[in-house]
Amino acid sequence: MGRIFTPEENGWRHVERRGADQVTSYLLLPTERGGRTRLSLTRIERGGAFGPHIDDYEHVFCVLQGRGEAMVGKERRAIEPGDLIVTDIREPHGLWADSTGDLVLLTANVYPETTG
């Protein structure tokens, strides 16, 4: 069933992962319903970070709110609402919120096809 809501009305989950400092997540679409894609909101509190790491899946991030920096591979640059960040499988990446407010992103994790 669909829904209309404000994420603040619902519970955010603290991300327990190496490099995650002041990071919470709200699951919108689990892979059980999204096929190879998991869709969530990611919030990095002001001054927090989801430091450099490598994943076994691709990402697409869309900045909804706040400002900060993103790193993909060796490139690091400022990000703001409307910016998109795309990573490949096993490509180093990281996100940092600046000190003025939370950085909120729509996050898609795209998992590789499984071979039968």
Protein backbone atom coordinates (compact mmCIF):
# COMPACT_ATOMS: atom_id res chain seq x y z
CA MET A 1 0.00 0.00 0.00
CA GLY A 2 1.28 3.45 -0.86
CA ARG A 3 1.65 6.23 1.66
CA ILE A 4 2.24 9.92 2.09
CA PHE A 5 4.34 10.84 5.09
CA THR A 6 7.12 12.95 6.47
CA PRO A 7 10.18 10.83 7.35
CA GLU A 8 10.44 12.60 10.69
CA GLU A 9 7.13 10.94 11.64
CA ASN A 10 8.81 7.55 11.34
CA GLY A 11 11.88 5.96 12.86
CA TRP A 12 15.32 6.45 11.37
CA ARG A 13 17.83 3.63 11.90
CA HIS A 14 21.38 4.39 13.05
CA VAL A 15 23.90 3.08 10.49
CA GLU A 16 26.38 0.79 12.23
CA ARG A 17 29.21 0.61 9.74
CA ARG A 18 32.87 1.48 9.66
CA GLY A 19 33.30 5.10 8.57
CA ALA A 20 29.71 6.05 9.44
CA ASP A 21 29.69 8.94 11.92
CA GLN A 22 26.28 10.45 12.74
CA VAL A 23 24.56 8.60 9.86
CA THR A 24 20.96 7.39 9.90
CA SER A 25 18.85 5.67 7.26
CA TYR A 26 15.17 5.24 6.50
CA LEU A 27 14.27 2.29 4.22
CA LEU A 28 11.75 3.17 1.51
CA LEU A 29 11.92 0.11 -0.76
CA PRO A 30 13.60 -3.14 0.30
CA THR A 31 15.22 -5.41 -2.29
CA GLU A 32 12.41 -7.94 -1.71
CA ARG A 33 10.14 -5.45 -3.49
CA GLY A 34 12.68 -3.55 -5.57
CA GLY A 35 14.40 -6.45 -7.32
CA ARG A 36 18.08 -5.60 -7.52
CA THR A 37 17.52 -2.12 -6.07
CA ARG A 38 17.15 -0.93 -2.49
CA LEU A 39 15.89 2.62 -2.05
CA SER A 40 16.31 4.62 1.15
CA LEU A 41 16.84 8.06 2.62
CA THR A 42 20.25 8.66 4.16
CA ARG A 43 20.83 11.46 6.64
CA ILE A 44 24.30 12.58 7.69
CA GLU A 45 24.02 14.98 10.60
CA ARG A 46 25.84 18.31 10.44
CA GLY A 47 29.57 17.71 10.66
CA GLY A 48 29.09 13.94 10.26
CA ALA A 49 30.50 11.66 7.60
CA PHE A 50 30.10 8.41 5.78
CA GLY A 51 33.84 8.16 5.25
CA PRO A 52 35.64 6.53 2.35
CA HIS A 53 34.58 2.95 1.78
CA ILE A 54 34.01 0.37 -0.96
CA ASP A 55 30.79 -1.57 -1.63
CA ASP A 56 29.98 -4.64 -3.70
CA TYR A 57 27.15 -2.76 -5.42
CA GLU A 58 26.54 0.49 -7.29
CA HIS A 59 25.06 3.64 -5.78
CA VAL A 60 23.00 6.53 -7.05
CA PHE A 61 22.65 9.40 -4.57
CA CYS A 62 20.49 12.48 -5.07
CA VAL A 63 21.07 15.37 -2.67
CA LEU A 64 17.69 16.47 -1.31
CA GLN A 65 18.78 18.81 1.50
CA GLY A 66 21.93 20.30 2.89
CA ARG A 67 25.45 20.78 1.65
CA GLY A 68 28.68 18.90 1.99
CA GLU A 69 31.28 17.06 -0.01
CA ALA A 70 31.33 13.82 -1.98
CA MET A 71 34.25 11.68 -3.06
CA VAL A 72 34.07 9.22 -5.96
CA GLY A 73 37.33 7.55 -6.87
CA LYS A 74 39.96 10.29 -6.62
CA GLU A 75 37.52 13.17 -7.24
CA ARG A 76 36.21 15.12 -4.26
CA ARG A 77 33.95 18.15 -4.58
CA ALA A 78 31.21 20.21 -2.96
CA ILE A 79 27.60 19.00 -3.27
CA GLU A 80 24.23 20.69 -2.79
CA PRO A 81 20.53 19.98 -3.39
CA GLY A 82 19.90 18.63 -6.88
CA ASP A 83 23.36 17.12 -7.32
CA LEU A 84 23.69 13.44 -8.26
CA ILE A 85 26.50 11.10 -7.27
CA VAL A 86 26.93 7.76 -9.05
CA THR A 87 29.41 5.05 -8.07
CA ASP A 88 30.40 1.78 -9.73
CA ILE A 89 30.84 -1.54 -7.97
CA ARG A 90 33.95 -1.50 -5.73
CA GLU A 91 34.65 2.19 -6.46
CA PRO A 92 35.87 4.11 -3.39
CA HIS A 93 33.42 6.79 -2.27
CA GLY A 94 32.47 8.90 0.74
CA LEU A 95 30.13 11.68 1.86
CA TRP A 96 30.58 14.51 4.36
CA ALA A 97 27.98 16.96 5.71
CA ASP A 98 29.14 20.51 6.31
CA SER A 99 28.66 22.26 9.64
CA THR A 100 25.56 24.25 8.63
CA GLY A 101 22.99 21.44 8.63
CA ASP A 102 22.12 17.83 7.93
CA LEU A 103 22.84 16.32 4.52
CA VAL A 104 19.86 14.26 3.29
CA LEU A 105 20.11 12.03 0.25
CA LEU A 106 17.83 9.73 -1.68
CA THR A 107 19.98 6.60 -1.95
CA ALA A 108 19.65 3.72 -4.42
CA ASN A 109 21.80 0.65 -3.90
CA VAL A 110 21.87 -1.34 -7.14
CA TYR A 111 23.03 -4.91 -6.60
CA PRO A 112 24.67 -6.97 -9.36
CA GLU A 113 22.70 -9.67 -11.12
CA THR A 114 23.14 -13.08 -9.61
CA THR A 115 24.29 -15.85 -11.88
CA GLY A 116 22.42 -19.11 -11.74
